[in-house]
Amino acid sequence: MPKHYSLTLLTMVLIATNSAIADTAESAQTYAATKITTISEMYQRDVSNQGMDNPTVLQQYADPDLQAAMQIEQDYFDKEQISCHVGYDVLWDSQDPDYTQDKQFSMTDQGLVQVSLAHGSNVYYELSCGGIDDKASCRVADVILDKDGKSLRKHLLETCR
């Protein structure tokens, strides 16, 4: 193969690779923005209704696996008349939420959405997303309850059986 063909082929491969890398970075940014928007909307809805939605806002935004775990919790309560929940509003990390408090939304290095609440605590959300670019949609897959990585879904599945 003549050298100029090899050089041309190499150039085409490099351009295609750089384009793919740029597309991947742009796609990651799109998903990050979609994840933050999803959680921001969930909080705004909870603020608007002062936590009185039925089903709860979290259940409305949850993916099927988290919804199933939350249903197990409800079924347990209906049967036993005792709660197996974590004992507080996980969105606000409080038994008595302050819906007016400031909150900041960001992404962690692990791909979780972090909500920093004014009272000093952080709530972390794992989201599952599907779709492409502006048609991407995300659902809450889990809520990480503490610094040790305690999972709401896992807690419900283990405690509410």
Protein backbone atom coordinates (compact mmCIF):
# COMPACT_ATOMS: atom_id res chain seq x y z
CA MET A 1 0.00 0.00 0.00
CA PRO A 2 1.49 3.42 -0.89
CA LYS A 3 2.36 5.66 2.06
CA HIS A 4 -0.14 8.38 1.21
CA TYR A 5 -3.02 5.89 1.39
CA SER A 6 -1.83 4.70 4.79
CA LEU A 7 -1.57 8.26 6.04
CA THR A 8 -5.03 9.08 4.67
CA LEU A 9 -6.49 5.99 6.32
CA LEU A 10 -4.81 6.84 9.62
CA THR A 11 -6.14 10.40 9.45
CA MET A 12 -9.68 9.12 8.81
CA VAL A 13 -9.44 6.73 11.76
CA LEU A 14 -8.21 9.51 14.06
CA ILE A 15 -10.99 11.87 12.96
CA ALA A 16 -13.62 9.16 13.49
CA THR A 17 -12.16 8.32 16.92
CA ASN A 18 -12.10 11.97 18.02
CA SER A 19 -15.66 12.40 16.80
CA ALA A 20 -16.78 9.32 18.75
CA ILE A 21 -15.03 10.60 21.88
CA ALA A 22 -16.68 14.01 21.48
CA ASP A 23 -20.09 12.34 20.95
CA THR A 24 -19.58 10.22 24.06
CA ALA A 25 -18.61 13.25 26.17
CA GLU A 26 -21.60 15.21 24.83
CA SER A 27 -23.90 12.26 25.53
CA ALA A 28 -22.57 11.98 29.10
CA GLN A 29 -23.20 15.71 29.62
CA THR A 30 -26.72 15.31 28.22
CA TYR A 31 -27.45 12.43 30.60
CA ALA A 32 -25.99 14.37 33.55
CA ALA A 33 -28.19 17.36 32.73
CA THR A 34 -31.24 15.10 32.29
CA LYS A 35 -30.56 13.39 35.63
CA ILE A 36 -30.24 16.72 37.47
CA THR A 37 -33.37 18.06 35.76
CA THR A 38 -35.32 14.95 36.76
CA ILE A 39 -34.38 15.27 40.43
CA SER A 40 -34.92 19.04 40.41
CA GLU A 41 -38.43 18.54 38.98
CA MET A 42 -39.16 15.86 41.58
CA TYR A 43 -38.23 18.25 44.41
CA GLN A 44 -40.22 21.10 42.87
CA ARG A 45 -43.26 18.88 42.67
CA ASP A 46 -42.83 17.82 46.32
CA VAL A 47 -42.48 21.47 47.36
CA SER A 48 -45.62 22.44 45.39
CA ASN A 49 -47.69 19.75 47.11
CA GLN A 50 -45.95 19.96 50.51
CA GLY A 51 -45.23 16.22 50.37
CA MET A 52 -48.91 15.30 50.14
CA ASP A 53 -48.88 13.48 46.77
CA ASN A 54 -50.40 10.03 46.66
CA PRO A 55 -48.57 8.02 45.51
CA THR A 56 -45.55 9.84 46.86
CA VAL A 57 -43.44 11.95 44.54
CA LEU A 58 -40.57 9.50 44.89
CA GLN A 59 -42.83 6.64 43.85
CA GLN A 60 -43.99 8.62 40.81
CA TYR A 61 -40.38 9.21 39.72
CA ALA A 62 -39.13 5.72 40.62
CA ASP A 63 -38.17 3.05 38.14
CA PRO A 64 -40.09 -0.27 38.24
CA ASP A 65 -37.63 -1.93 40.67
CA LEU A 66 -37.83 0.87 43.23
CA GLN A 67 -41.61 1.09 42.77
CA ALA A 68 -41.84 -2.65 43.50
CA ALA A 69 -39.78 -2.24 46.68
CA MET A 70 -42.00 0.66 47.77
CA GLN A 71 -45.09 -1.47 47.08
CA ILE A 72 -43.66 -4.24 49.27
CA GLU A 73 -43.33 -1.63 52.01
CA GLN A 74 -46.98 -0.58 51.57
CA ASP A 75 -48.18 -4.19 51.51
CA TYR A 76 -46.23 -4.89 54.71
CA PHE A 77 -47.84 -1.89 56.41
CA ASP A 78 -51.32 -2.90 55.25
CA LYS A 79 -50.82 -6.43 56.62
CA GLU A 80 -48.88 -5.77 59.83
CA GLN A 81 -50.03 -2.19 60.66
CA ILE A 82 -46.41 -1.35 61.37
CA SER A 83 -43.96 0.51 59.18
CA CYS A 84 -40.78 -1.03 57.83
CA HIS A 85 -39.71 2.25 56.21
CA VAL A 86 -36.56 4.12 57.23
CA GLY A 87 -38.61 6.42 59.49
CA TYR A 88 -38.16 9.77 57.77
CA ASP A 89 -38.77 11.57 54.47
CA VAL A 90 -35.79 10.47 52.39
CA LEU A 91 -36.08 13.41 49.97
CA TRP A 92 -35.50 15.86 52.78
CA ASP A 93 -33.50 13.64 55.15
CA SER A 94 -35.91 14.70 57.88
CA GLN A 95 -39.00 13.63 59.81
CA ASP A 96 -40.33 17.18 59.55
CA PRO A 97 -39.29 18.52 56.12
CA ASP A 98 -38.64 22.20 55.53
CA TYR A 99 -39.97 22.60 52.00
CA THR A 100 -38.68 26.17 51.77
CA GLN A 101 -35.01 25.35 52.39
CA ASP A 102 -32.43 26.00 49.70
CA LYS A 103 -30.99 23.03 47.87
CA GLN A 104 -28.19 22.54 45.37
CA PHE A 105 -28.10 19.85 42.68
CA SER A 106 -24.88 18.38 41.32
CA MET A 107 -23.33 15.18 39.97
CA THR A 108 -20.86 13.03 41.88
CA ASP A 109 -17.91 11.30 40.27
CA GLN A 110 -19.88 8.05 40.63
CA GLY A 111 -22.72 9.38 38.47
CA LEU A 112 -25.16 9.98 41.31
CA VAL A 113 -27.22 13.14 41.61
CA GLN A 114 -26.35 14.86 44.87
CA VAL A 115 -28.88 17.12 46.54
CA SER A 116 -27.23 19.34 49.15
CA LEU A 117 -29.86 20.55 51.59
CA ALA A 118 -29.62 23.81 53.53
CA HIS A 119 -29.74 22.02 56.89
CA GLY A 120 -26.39 20.44 56.02
CA SER A 121 -27.15 16.95 54.76
CA ASN A 122 -26.83 15.42 51.32
CA VAL A 123 -29.15 12.98 49.58
CA TYR A 124 -27.86 10.90 46.67
CA TYR A 125 -29.92 9.48 43.82
CA GLU A 126 -29.04 6.71 41.41
CA LEU A 127 -30.97 7.09 38.18
CA SER A 128 -31.62 4.80 35.26
CA CYS A 129 -31.92 6.59 31.94
CA GLY A 130 -33.04 5.59 28.50
CA GLY A 131 -33.44 7.31 25.17
CA ILE A 132 -31.04 9.46 23.24
CA ASP A 133 -30.07 13.12 23.62
CA ASP A 134 -33.13 15.38 23.96
CA LYS A 135 -35.44 12.34 24.15
CA ALA A 136 -33.57 10.89 27.13
CA SER A 137 -35.65 10.22 30.22
CA CYS A 138 -34.56 9.16 33.67
CA ARG A 139 -36.19 7.42 36.61
CA VAL A 140 -34.96 7.11 40.19
CA ALA A 141 -33.44 3.64 40.61
CA ASP A 142 -32.39 4.10 44.23
CA VAL A 143 -31.77 6.58 47.02
CA ILE A 144 -28.47 6.29 48.85
CA LEU A 145 -29.30 7.06 52.46
CA ASP A 146 -25.92 7.60 54.09
CA LYS A 147 -22.17 7.93 53.58
CA ASP A 148 -21.82 4.15 53.86
CA GLY A 149 -23.92 3.69 50.74
CA LYS A 150 -27.03 2.30 52.47
CA SER A 151 -29.65 1.81 49.77
CA LEU A 152 -33.35 2.59 50.23
CA ARG A 153 -34.36 -0.15 47.80
CA LYS A 154 -32.19 -2.73 49.55
CA HIS A 155 -33.47 -1.61 52.98
CA LEU A 156 -37.08 -2.04 51.89
CA LEU A 157 -36.48 -5.41 50.26
CA GLU A 158 -34.67 -6.75 53.34
CA THR A 159 -36.79 -5.18 56.10
CA CYS A 160 -40.29 -5.44 54.67
CA ARG A 161 -40.45 -9.19 54.06
